Amino acid sequence: MNRFWNLFTFLATSLLALPAFAEGGAAPEHNGLVAIGAGLAIGIAVGGGTLGQGKASAAALEGIARNPNASDKIFTPMILGLALMESLVLLAFVVAFLLLNKV
């Protein structure tokens, strides 16, 4: 239940930050939806990436704790997996900024 509230709080604060990107002047109606989509994209990507990295790290550390001799075989794939997860989050960040440039 605590994870739900953490995720809800994160998504709510990321959505409330969207008016900071608002500009004056006449704009088409779909611009607000693009901004909301960009905010949701980065919010969900960061939340999912964080959960994935936490689970991967926990599983790797548990494996190392159970068998310390296998730490060399576990550590490198864990770092590679964490880097790939982080690259997906950064890709969502870039896509969100590209969407905001269309606003």
PDB file of N, CA and C in Angstrom:
ATOM      1  N   MET A   1       0.825  -1.196   0.000  1.00  0.00           N
ATOM      2  CA  MET A   1       0.000   0.000   0.000  1.00  0.00           C
ATOM      3  C   MET A   1       0.863   1.251   0.000  1.00  0.00           C
ATOM      4  N   ASN A   2       2.021   1.173   0.676  1.00  0.00           N
ATOM      5  CA  ASN A   2       2.915   2.311   0.738  1.00  0.00           C
ATOM      6  C   ASN A   2       3.474   2.651  -0.645  1.00  0.00           C
ATOM      7  N   ARG A   3       3.750   1.624  -1.475  1.00  0.00           N
ATOM      8  CA  ARG A   3       4.244   1.865  -2.833  1.00  0.00           C
ATOM      9  C   ARG A   3       3.199   2.605  -3.658  1.00  0.00           C
ATOM     10  N   PHE A   4       1.938   2.257  -3.468  1.00  0.00           N
ATOM     11  CA  PHE A   4       0.877   2.934  -4.208  1.00  0.00           C
ATOM     12  C   PHE A   4       0.865   4.416  -3.896  1.00  0.00           C
ATOM     13  N   TRP A   5       0.979   4.765  -2.622  1.00  0.00           N
ATOM     14  CA  TRP A   5       0.947   6.181  -2.251  1.00  0.00           C
ATOM     15  C   TRP A   5       2.193   6.901  -2.727  1.00  0.00           C
ATOM     16  N   ASN A   6       3.335   6.213  -2.724  1.00  0.00           N
ATOM     17  CA  ASN A   6       4.544   6.835  -3.260  1.00  0.00           C
ATOM     18  C   ASN A   6       4.394   7.121  -4.744  1.00  0.00           C
ATOM     19  N   LEU A   7       3.879   6.147  -5.493  1.00  0.00           N
ATOM     20  CA  LEU A   7       3.670   6.340  -6.923  1.00  0.00           C
ATOM     21  C   LEU A   7       2.625   7.412  -7.177  1.00  0.00           C
ATOM     22  N   PHE A   8       1.541   7.411  -6.406  1.00  0.00           N
ATOM     23  CA  PHE A   8       0.493   8.417  -6.577  1.00  0.00           C
ATOM     24  C   PHE A   8       1.040   9.812  -6.289  1.00  0.00           C
ATOM     25  N   THR A   9       1.823   9.952  -5.237  1.00  0.00           N
ATOM     26  CA  THR A   9       2.398  11.250  -4.900  1.00  0.00           C
ATOM     27  C   THR A   9       3.348  11.720  -5.995  1.00  0.00           C
ATOM     28  N   PHE A  10       4.153  10.806  -6.506  1.00  0.00           N
ATOM     29  CA  PHE A  10       5.081  11.176  -7.576  1.00  0.00           C
ATOM     30  C   PHE A  10       4.332  11.633  -8.819  1.00  0.00           C
ATOM     31  N   LEU A  11       3.317  10.877  -9.234  1.00  0.00           N
ATOM     32  CA  LEU A  11       2.555  11.256 -10.425  1.00  0.00           C
ATOM     33  C   LEU A  11       1.802  12.563 -10.215  1.00  0.00           C
ATOM     34  N   ALA A  12       1.262  12.766  -9.034  1.00  0.00           N
ATOM     35  CA  ALA A  12       0.524  14.004  -8.773  1.00  0.00           C
ATOM     36  C   ALA A  12       1.442  15.212  -8.825  1.00  0.00           C
ATOM     37  N   THR A  13       2.627  15.092  -8.247  1.00  0.00           N
ATOM     38  CA  THR A  13       3.540  16.240  -8.275  1.00  0.00           C
ATOM     39  C   THR A  13       4.081  16.488  -9.670  1.00  0.00           C
ATOM     40  N   SER A  14       4.274  15.432 -10.455  1.00  0.00           N
ATOM     41  CA  SER A  14       4.755  15.654 -11.818  1.00  0.00           C
ATOM     42  C   SER A  14       3.673  16.296 -12.680  1.00  0.00           C
ATOM     43  N   LEU A  15       2.426  15.994 -12.421  1.00  0.00           N
ATOM     44  CA  LEU A  15       1.347  16.635 -13.180  1.00  0.00           C
ATOM     45  C   LEU A  15       1.125  18.069 -12.739  1.00  0.00           C
ATOM     46  N   LEU A  16       1.338  18.361 -11.474  1.00  0.00           N
ATOM     47  CA  LEU A  16       1.140  19.718 -10.997  1.00  0.00           C
ATOM     48  C   LEU A  16       2.250  20.651 -11.463  1.00  0.00           C
ATOM     49  N   ALA A  17       3.377  20.102 -11.883  1.00  0.00           N
ATOM     50  CA  ALA A  17       4.473  20.933 -12.366  1.00  0.00           C
ATOM     51  C   ALA A  17       4.268  21.385 -13.805  1.00  0.00           C
ATOM     52  N   LEU A  18       3.300  20.821 -14.505  1.00  0.00           N
ATOM     53  CA  LEU A  18       3.087  21.162 -15.910  1.00  0.00           C
ATOM     54  C   LEU A  18       2.722  22.620 -16.161  1.00  0.00           C
ATOM     55  N   PRO A  19       1.964  23.303 -15.310  1.00  0.00           N
ATOM     56  CA  PRO A  19       1.667  24.712 -15.608  1.00  0.00           C
ATOM     57  C   PRO A  19       2.902  25.603 -15.671  1.00  0.00           C
ATOM     58  N   ALA A  20       4.017  25.155 -15.166  1.00  0.00           N
ATOM     59  CA  ALA A  20       5.233  25.953 -15.251  1.00  0.00           C
ATOM     60  C   ALA A  20       5.701  26.098 -16.694  1.00  0.00           C
ATOM     61  N   PHE A  21       5.293  25.172 -17.565  1.00  0.00           N
ATOM     62  CA  PHE A  21       5.687  25.228 -18.962  1.00  0.00           C
ATOM     63  C   PHE A  21       4.686  26.005 -19.813  1.00  0.00           C
ATOM     64  N   ALA A  22       3.633  26.547 -19.213  1.00  0.00           N
ATOM     65  CA  ALA A  22       2.604  27.247 -19.966  1.00  0.00           C
ATOM     66  C   ALA A  22       3.156  28.574 -20.490  1.00  0.00           C
ATOM     67  N   GLU A  23       2.715  28.918 -21.701  1.00  0.00           N
ATOM     68  CA  GLU A  23       3.113  30.174 -22.311  1.00  0.00           C
ATOM     69  C   GLU A  23       1.858  30.971 -22.625  1.00  0.00           C
ATOM     70  N   GLY A  24       2.010  32.291 -22.712  1.00  0.00           N
ATOM     71  CA  GLY A  24       0.876  33.144 -23.045  1.00  0.00           C
ATOM     72  C   GLY A  24       0.582  33.106 -24.538  1.00  0.00           C
ATOM     73  N   GLY A  25      -0.538  33.673 -24.919  1.00  0.00           N
ATOM     74  CA  GLY A  25      -0.895  33.743 -26.325  1.00  0.00           C
ATOM     75  C   GLY A  25      -1.881  32.665 -26.718  1.00  0.00           C
ATOM     76  N   ALA A  26      -2.390  32.816 -27.944  1.00  0.00           N
ATOM     77  CA  ALA A  26      -3.360  31.843 -28.446  1.00  0.00           C
ATOM     78  C   ALA A  26      -2.628  30.568 -28.848  1.00  0.00           C
ATOM     79  N   ALA A  27      -3.165  29.459 -28.440  1.00  0.00           N
ATOM     80  CA  ALA A  27      -2.568  28.173 -28.758  1.00  0.00           C
ATOM     81  C   ALA A  27      -3.672  27.201 -29.153  1.00  0.00           C
ATOM     82  N   PRO A  28      -3.358  26.252 -30.015  1.00  0.00           N
ATOM     83  CA  PRO A  28      -4.358  25.241 -30.359  1.00  0.00           C
ATOM     84  C   PRO A  28      -4.773  24.440 -29.125  1.00  0.00           C
ATOM     85  N   GLU A  29      -5.920  23.828 -29.205  1.00  0.00           N
ATOM     86  CA  GLU A  29      -6.482  23.130 -28.040  1.00  0.00           C
ATOM     87  C   GLU A  29      -5.711  21.875 -27.658  1.00  0.00           C
ATOM     88  N   HIS A  30      -5.053  21.230 -28.603  1.00  0.00           N
ATOM     89  CA  HIS A  30      -4.382  19.972 -28.290  1.00  0.00           C
ATOM     90  C   HIS A  30      -3.056  20.165 -27.566  1.00  0.00           C
ATOM     91  N   ASN A  31      -2.566  21.377 -27.444  1.00  0.00           N
ATOM     92  CA  ASN A  31      -1.287  21.596 -26.776  1.00  0.00           C
ATOM     93  C   ASN A  31      -1.317  21.183 -25.312  1.00  0.00           C
ATOM     94  N   GLY A  32      -2.423  21.405 -24.650  1.00  0.00           N
ATOM     95  CA  GLY A  32      -2.527  20.982 -23.256  1.00  0.00           C
ATOM     96  C   GLY A  32      -2.452  19.474 -23.119  1.00  0.00           C
ATOM     97  N   LEU A  33      -3.050  18.761 -24.074  1.00  0.00           N
ATOM     98  CA  LEU A  33      -2.992  17.306 -24.031  1.00  0.00           C
ATOM     99  C   LEU A  33      -1.584  16.792 -24.301  1.00  0.00           C
ATOM    100  N   VAL A  34      -0.867  17.464 -25.182  1.00  0.00           N
ATOM    101  CA  VAL A  34       0.523  17.070 -25.447  1.00  0.00           C
ATOM    102  C   VAL A  34       1.363  17.280 -24.198  1.00  0.00           C
ATOM    103  N   ALA A  35       1.149  18.384 -23.499  1.00  0.00           N
ATOM    104  CA  ALA A  35       1.899  18.647 -22.277  1.00  0.00           C
ATOM    105  C   ALA A  35       1.565  17.624 -21.194  1.00  0.00           C
ATOM    106  N   ILE A  36       0.305  17.264 -21.078  1.00  0.00           N
ATOM    107  CA  ILE A  36      -0.077  16.240 -20.098  1.00  0.00           C
ATOM    108  C   ILE A  36       0.527  14.898 -20.479  1.00  0.00           C
ATOM    109  N   GLY A  37       0.535  14.583 -21.780  1.00  0.00           N
ATOM    110  CA  GLY A  37       1.152  13.333 -22.241  1.00  0.00           C
ATOM    111  C   GLY A  37       2.639  13.296 -21.954  1.00  0.00           C
ATOM    112  N   ALA A  38       3.309  14.433 -22.139  1.00  0.00           N
ATOM    113  CA  ALA A  38       4.745  14.483 -21.843  1.00  0.00           C
ATOM    114  C   ALA A  38       4.994  14.293 -20.354  1.00  0.00           C
ATOM    115  N   GLY A  39       4.178  14.934 -19.531  1.00  0.00           N
ATOM    116  CA  GLY A  39       4.326  14.770 -18.087  1.00  0.00           C
ATOM    117  C   GLY A  39       4.059  13.349 -17.635  1.00  0.00           C
ATOM    118  N   LEU A  40       3.029  12.729 -18.196  1.00  0.00           N
ATOM    119  CA  LEU A  40       2.738  11.337 -17.847  1.00  0.00           C
ATOM    120  C   LEU A  40       3.837  10.406 -18.332  1.00  0.00           C
ATOM    121  N   ALA A  41       4.371  10.675 -19.528  1.00  0.00           N
ATOM    122  CA  ALA A  41       5.420   9.804 -20.074  1.00  0.00           C
ATOM    123  C   ALA A  41       6.632   9.785 -19.168  1.00  0.00           C
ATOM    124  N   ILE A  42       7.089  10.946 -18.770  1.00  0.00           N
ATOM    125  CA  ILE A  42       8.293  10.974 -17.929  1.00  0.00           C
ATOM    126  C   ILE A  42       7.982  10.460 -16.526  1.00  0.00           C
ATOM    127  N   GLY A  43       6.792  10.762 -16.010  1.00  0.00           N
ATOM    128  CA  GLY A  43       6.427  10.289 -14.673  1.00  0.00           C
ATOM    129  C   GLY A  43       6.336   8.780 -14.595  1.00  0.00           C
ATOM    130  N   ILE A  44       5.671   8.182 -15.560  1.00  0.00           N
ATOM    131  CA  ILE A  44       5.523   6.720 -15.556  1.00  0.00           C
ATOM    132  C   ILE A  44       6.859   6.043 -15.833  1.00  0.00           C
ATOM    133  N   ALA A  45       7.643   6.620 -16.749  1.00  0.00           N
ATOM    134  CA  ALA A  45       8.945   6.019 -17.066  1.00  0.00           C
ATOM    135  C   ALA A  45       9.876   6.047 -15.868  1.00  0.00           C
ATOM    136  N   VAL A  46       9.913   7.156 -15.169  1.00  0.00           N
ATOM    137  CA  VAL A  46      10.790   7.256 -14.001  1.00  0.00           C
ATOM    138  C   VAL A  46      10.302   6.329 -12.889  1.00  0.00           C
ATOM    139  N   GLY A  47       8.991   6.292 -12.671  1.00  0.00           N
ATOM    140  CA  GLY A  47       8.451   5.396 -11.648  1.00  0.00           C
ATOM    141  C   GLY A  47       8.738   3.934 -11.960  1.00  0.00           C
ATOM    142  N   GLY A  48       8.506   3.537 -13.213  1.00  0.00           N
ATOM    143  CA  GLY A  48       8.766   2.152 -13.610  1.00  0.00           C
ATOM    144  C   GLY A  48      10.246   1.804 -13.584  1.00  0.00           C
ATOM    145  N   GLY A  49      11.068   2.743 -14.049  1.00  0.00           N
ATOM    146  CA  GLY A  49      12.507   2.508 -14.026  1.00  0.00           C
ATOM    147  C   GLY A  49      13.045   2.365 -12.616  1.00  0.00           C
ATOM    148  N   THR A  50      12.533   3.184 -11.721  1.00  0.00           N
ATOM    149  CA  THR A  50      12.959   3.115 -10.323  1.00  0.00           C
ATOM    150  C   THR A  50      12.562   1.789  -9.688  1.00  0.00           C
ATOM    151  N   LEU A  51      11.330   1.367  -9.945  1.00  0.00           N
ATOM    152  CA  LEU A  51      10.898   0.072  -9.397  1.00  0.00           C
ATOM    153  C   LEU A  51      11.721  -1.071  -9.976  1.00  0.00           C
ATOM    154  N   GLY A  52      11.987  -1.020 -11.282  1.00  0.00           N
ATOM    155  CA  GLY A  52      12.780  -2.070 -11.914  1.00  0.00           C
ATOM    156  C   GLY A  52      14.205  -2.115 -11.397  1.00  0.00           C
ATOM    157  N   GLN A  53      14.813  -0.949 -11.245  1.00  0.00           N
ATOM    158  CA  GLN A  53      16.183  -0.910 -10.735  1.00  0.00           C
ATOM    159  C   GLN A  53      16.246  -1.385  -9.293  1.00  0.00           C
ATOM    160  N   GLY A  54      15.245  -1.039  -8.511  1.00  0.00           N
ATOM    161  CA  GLY A  54      15.215  -1.498  -7.126  1.00  0.00           C
ATOM    162  C   GLY A  54      15.089  -3.004  -7.025  1.00  0.00           C
ATOM    163  N   LYS A  55      14.207  -3.579  -7.843  1.00  0.00           N
ATOM    164  CA  LYS A  55      14.035  -5.039  -7.807  1.00  0.00           C
ATOM    165  C   LYS A  55      15.275  -5.757  -8.325  1.00  0.00           C
ATOM    166  N   ALA A  56      15.888  -5.217  -9.392  1.00  0.00           N
ATOM    167  CA  ALA A  56      17.096  -5.852  -9.933  1.00  0.00           C
ATOM    168  C   ALA A  56      18.235  -5.798  -8.923  1.00  0.00           C
ATOM    169  N   SER A  57      18.402  -4.663  -8.284  1.00  0.00           N
ATOM    170  CA  SER A  57      19.469  -4.534  -7.287  1.00  0.00           C
ATOM    171  C   SER A  57      19.215  -5.447  -6.097  1.00  0.00           C
ATOM    172  N   ALA A  58      17.976  -5.505  -5.650  1.00  0.00           N
ATOM    173  CA  ALA A  58      17.649  -6.363  -4.506  1.00  0.00           C
ATOM    174  C   ALA A  58      17.911  -7.829  -4.830  1.00  0.00           C
ATOM    175  N   ALA A  59      17.524  -8.253  -6.032  1.00  0.00           N
ATOM    176  CA  ALA A  59      17.738  -9.651  -6.406  1.00  0.00           C
ATOM    177  C   ALA A  59      19.228  -9.965  -6.533  1.00  0.00           C
ATOM    178  N   ALA A  60      19.985  -9.032  -7.113  1.00  0.00           N
ATOM    179  CA  ALA A  60      21.424  -9.266  -7.259  1.00  0.00           C
ATOM    180  C   ALA A  60      22.116  -9.304  -5.900  1.00  0.00           C
ATOM    181  N   LEU A  61      21.758  -8.381  -5.021  1.00  0.00           N
ATOM    182  CA  LEU A  61      22.389  -8.379  -3.701  1.00  0.00           C
ATOM    183  C   LEU A  61      21.991  -9.603  -2.878  1.00  0.00           C
ATOM    184  N   GLU A  62      20.773 -10.058  -3.060  1.00  0.00           N
ATOM    185  CA  GLU A  62      20.359 -11.279  -2.359  1.00  0.00           C
ATOM    186  C   GLU A  62      21.144 -12.480  -2.884  1.00  0.00           C
ATOM    187  N   GLY A  63      21.346 -12.520  -4.204  1.00  0.00           N
ATOM    188  CA  GLY A  63      22.136 -13.610  -4.777  1.00  0.00           C
ATOM    189  C   GLY A  63      23.574 -13.572  -4.297  1.00  0.00           C
ATOM    190  N   ILE A  64      24.143 -12.375  -4.209  1.00  0.00           N
ATOM    191  CA  ILE A  64      25.522 -12.254  -3.713  1.00  0.00           C
ATOM    192  C   ILE A  64      25.589 -12.640  -2.232  1.00  0.00           C
ATOM    193  N   ALA A  65      24.568 -12.276  -1.467  1.00  0.00           N
ATOM    194  CA  ALA A  65      24.558 -12.618  -0.044  1.00  0.00           C
ATOM    195  C   ALA A  65      24.449 -14.126   0.159  1.00  0.00           C
ATOM    196  N   ARG A  66      23.716 -14.791  -0.688  1.00  0.00           N
ATOM    197  CA  ARG A  66      23.568 -16.241  -0.546  1.00  0.00           C
ATOM    198  C   ARG A  66      24.816 -16.990  -1.005  1.00  0.00           C
ATOM    199  N   ASN A  67      25.476 -16.441  -2.049  1.00  0.00           N
ATOM    200  CA  ASN A  67      26.668 -17.093  -2.579  1.00  0.00           C
ATOM    201  C   ASN A  67      27.716 -16.029  -2.893  1.00  0.00           C
ATOM    202  N   PRO A  68      28.535 -15.663  -1.938  1.00  0.00           N
ATOM    203  CA  PRO A  68      29.526 -14.596  -2.156  1.00  0.00           C
ATOM    204  C   PRO A  68      30.539 -14.914  -3.260  1.00  0.00           C
ATOM    205  N   ASN A  69      30.758 -16.199  -3.537  1.00  0.00           N
ATOM    206  CA  ASN A  69      31.709 -16.573  -4.585  1.00  0.00           C
ATOM    207  C   ASN A  69      31.194 -16.213  -5.978  1.00  0.00           C
ATOM    208  N   ALA A  70      29.899 -16.027  -6.126  1.00  0.00           N
ATOM    209  CA  ALA A  70      29.312 -15.718  -7.433  1.00  0.00           C
ATOM    210  C   ALA A  70      29.181 -14.220  -7.666  1.00  0.00           C
ATOM    211  N   SER A  71      29.770 -13.413  -6.811  1.00  0.00           N
ATOM    212  CA  SER A  71      29.600 -11.959  -6.935  1.00  0.00           C
ATOM    213  C   SER A  71      30.162 -11.431  -8.252  1.00  0.00           C
ATOM    214  N   ASP A  72      31.248 -12.019  -8.747  1.00  0.00           N
ATOM    215  CA  ASP A  72      31.811 -11.560 -10.023  1.00  0.00           C
ATOM    216  C   ASP A  72      30.867 -11.849 -11.182  1.00  0.00           C
ATOM    217  N   LYS A  73      30.179 -12.989 -11.120  1.00  0.00           N
ATOM    218  CA  LYS A  73      29.265 -13.365 -12.200  1.00  0.00           C
ATOM    219  C   LYS A  73      27.940 -12.620 -12.123  1.00  0.00           C
ATOM    220  N   ILE A  74      27.577 -12.112 -10.961  1.00  0.00           N
ATOM    221  CA  ILE A  74      26.302 -11.419 -10.783  1.00  0.00           C
ATOM    222  C   ILE A  74      26.456  -9.919 -10.982  1.00  0.00           C
ATOM    223  N   PHE A  75      27.580  -9.362 -10.566  1.00  0.00           N
ATOM    224  CA  PHE A  75      27.739  -7.911 -10.544  1.00  0.00           C
ATOM    225  C   PHE A  75      27.708  -7.290 -11.939  1.00  0.00           C
ATOM    226  N   THR A  76      28.433  -7.855 -12.890  1.00  0.00           N
ATOM    227  CA  THR A  76      28.497  -7.268 -14.232  1.00  0.00           C
ATOM    228  C   THR A  76      27.143  -7.275 -14.938  1.00  0.00           C
ATOM    229  N   PRO A  77      26.399  -8.388 -14.965  1.00  0.00           N
ATOM    230  CA  PRO A  77      25.070  -8.331 -15.594  1.00  0.00           C
ATOM    231  C   PRO A  77      24.111  -7.386 -14.868  1.00  0.00           C
ATOM    232  N   MET A  78      24.264  -7.252 -13.534  1.00  0.00           N
ATOM    233  CA  MET A  78      23.405  -6.319 -12.801  1.00  0.00           C
ATOM    234  C   MET A  78      23.672  -4.886 -13.253  1.00  0.00           C
ATOM    235  N   ILE A  79      24.943  -4.502 -13.360  1.00  0.00           N
ATOM    236  CA  ILE A  79      25.289  -3.152 -13.799  1.00  0.00           C
ATOM    237  C   ILE A  79      24.798  -2.931 -15.226  1.00  0.00           C
ATOM    238  N   LEU A  80      24.939  -3.906 -16.102  1.00  0.00           N
ATOM    239  CA  LEU A  80      24.451  -3.784 -17.472  1.00  0.00           C
ATOM    240  C   LEU A  80      22.940  -3.616 -17.499  1.00  0.00           C
ATOM    241  N   GLY A  81      22.234  -4.390 -16.700  1.00  0.00           N
ATOM    242  CA  GLY A  81      20.780  -4.256 -16.624  1.00  0.00           C
ATOM    243  C   GLY A  81      20.348  -2.899 -16.088  1.00  0.00           C
ATOM    244  N   LEU A  82      21.036  -2.404 -15.061  1.00  0.00           N
ATOM    245  CA  LEU A  82      20.720  -1.085 -14.518  1.00  0.00           C
ATOM    246  C   LEU A  82      20.965   0.013 -15.550  1.00  0.00           C
ATOM    247  N   ALA A  83      22.039  -0.125 -16.323  1.00  0.00           N
ATOM    248  CA  ALA A  83      22.332   0.871 -17.353  1.00  0.00           C
ATOM    249  C   ALA A  83      21.262   0.859 -18.438  1.00  0.00           C
ATOM    250  N   LEU A  84      20.795  -0.319 -18.819  1.00  0.00           N
ATOM    251  CA  LEU A  84      19.744  -0.400 -19.841  1.00  0.00           C
ATOM    252  C   LEU A  84      18.425   0.165 -19.327  1.00  0.00           C
ATOM    253  N   MET A  85      18.106  -0.086 -18.073  1.00  0.00           N
ATOM    254  CA  MET A  85      16.886   0.489 -17.501  1.00  0.00           C
ATOM    255  C   MET A  85      16.973   2.008 -17.459  1.00  0.00           C
ATOM    256  N   GLU A  86      18.124   2.516 -17.076  1.00  0.00           N
ATOM    257  CA  GLU A  86      18.301   3.961 -17.002  1.00  0.00           C
ATOM    258  C   GLU A  86      18.248   4.588 -18.388  1.00  0.00           C
ATOM    259  N   SER A  87      18.736   3.871 -19.404  1.00  0.00           N
ATOM    260  CA  SER A  87      18.679   4.419 -20.766  1.00  0.00           C
ATOM    261  C   SER A  87      17.237   4.542 -21.239  1.00  0.00           C
ATOM    262  N   LEU A  88      16.371   3.632 -20.840  1.00  0.00           N
ATOM    263  CA  LEU A  88      14.962   3.747 -21.210  1.00  0.00           C
ATOM    264  C   LEU A  88      14.314   4.947 -20.534  1.00  0.00           C
ATOM    265  N   VAL A  89      14.692   5.212 -19.296  1.00  0.00           N
ATOM    266  CA  VAL A  89      14.160   6.385 -18.597  1.00  0.00           C
ATOM    267  C   VAL A  89      14.643   7.661 -19.279  1.00  0.00           C
ATOM    268  N   LEU A  90      15.913   7.697 -19.660  1.00  0.00           N
ATOM    269  CA  LEU A  90      16.441   8.872 -20.357  1.00  0.00           C
ATOM    270  C   LEU A  90      15.796   9.047 -21.731  1.00  0.00           C
ATOM    271  N   LEU A  91      15.479   7.941 -22.404  1.00  0.00           N
ATOM    272  CA  LEU A  91      14.778   8.031 -23.685  1.00  0.00           C
ATOM    273  C   LEU A  91      13.394   8.641 -23.488  1.00  0.00           C
ATOM    274  N   ALA A  92      12.688   8.249 -22.443  1.00  0.00           N
ATOM    275  CA  ALA A  92      11.383   8.849 -22.152  1.00  0.00           C
ATOM    276  C   ALA A  92      11.529  10.325 -21.820  1.00  0.00           C
ATOM    277  N   PHE A  93      12.608  10.692 -21.149  1.00  0.00           N
ATOM    278  CA  PHE A  93      12.875  12.094 -20.835  1.00  0.00           C
ATOM    279  C   PHE A  93      13.074  12.903 -22.113  1.00  0.00           C
ATOM    280  N   VAL A  94      13.821  12.358 -23.068  1.00  0.00           N
ATOM    281  CA  VAL A  94      14.040  13.036 -24.343  1.00  0.00           C
ATOM    282  C   VAL A  94      12.734  13.160 -25.122  1.00  0.00           C
ATOM    283  N   VAL A  95      11.944  12.094 -25.139  1.00  0.00           N
ATOM    284  CA  VAL A  95      10.654  12.130 -25.844  1.00  0.00           C
ATOM    285  C   VAL A  95       9.735  13.162 -25.209  1.00  0.00           C
ATOM    286  N   ALA A  96       9.751  13.257 -23.899  1.00  0.00           N
ATOM    287  CA  ALA A  96       8.909  14.249 -23.226  1.00  0.00           C
ATOM    288  C   ALA A  96       9.325  15.663 -23.612  1.00  0.00           C
ATOM    289  N   PHE A  97      10.614  15.928 -23.687  1.00  0.00           N
ATOM    290  CA  PHE A  97      11.068  17.248 -24.090  1.00  0.00           C
ATOM    291  C   PHE A  97      10.763  17.526 -25.563  1.00  0.00           C
ATOM    292  N   LEU A  98      10.842  16.517 -26.406  1.00  0.00           N
ATOM    293  CA  LEU A  98      10.483  16.704 -27.808  1.00  0.00           C
ATOM    294  C   LEU A  98       8.986  17.032 -27.937  1.00  0.00           C
ATOM    295  N   LEU A  99       8.168  16.383 -27.110  1.00  0.00           N
ATOM    296  CA  LEU A  99       6.735  16.685 -27.123  1.00  0.00           C
ATOM    297  C   LEU A  99       6.476  18.102 -26.609  1.00  0.00           C
ATOM    298  N   LEU A 100       7.219  18.516 -25.599  1.00  0.00           N
ATOM    299  CA  LEU A 100       7.021  19.861 -25.061  1.00  0.00           C
ATOM    300  C   LEU A 100       7.458  20.933 -26.057  1.00  0.00           C
ATOM    301  N   ASN A 101       8.423  20.613 -26.925  1.00  0.00           N
ATOM    302  CA  ASN A 101       8.823  21.588 -27.946  1.00  0.00           C
ATOM    303  C   ASN A 101       7.748  21.778 -29.001  1.00  0.00           C
ATOM    304  N   LYS A 102       6.828  20.819 -29.121  1.00  0.00           N
ATOM    305  CA  LYS A 102       5.720  20.964 -30.063  1.00  0.00           C
ATOM    306  C   LYS A 102       4.581  21.781 -29.493  1.00  0.00           C
ATOM    307  N   VAL A 103       4.619  22.019 -28.204  1.00  0.00           N
ATOM    308  CA  VAL A 103       3.546  22.770 -27.553  1.00  0.00           C
ATOM    309  C   VAL A 103       3.604  24.226 -27.929  1.00  0.00           C
TER     310      VAL A 103
END
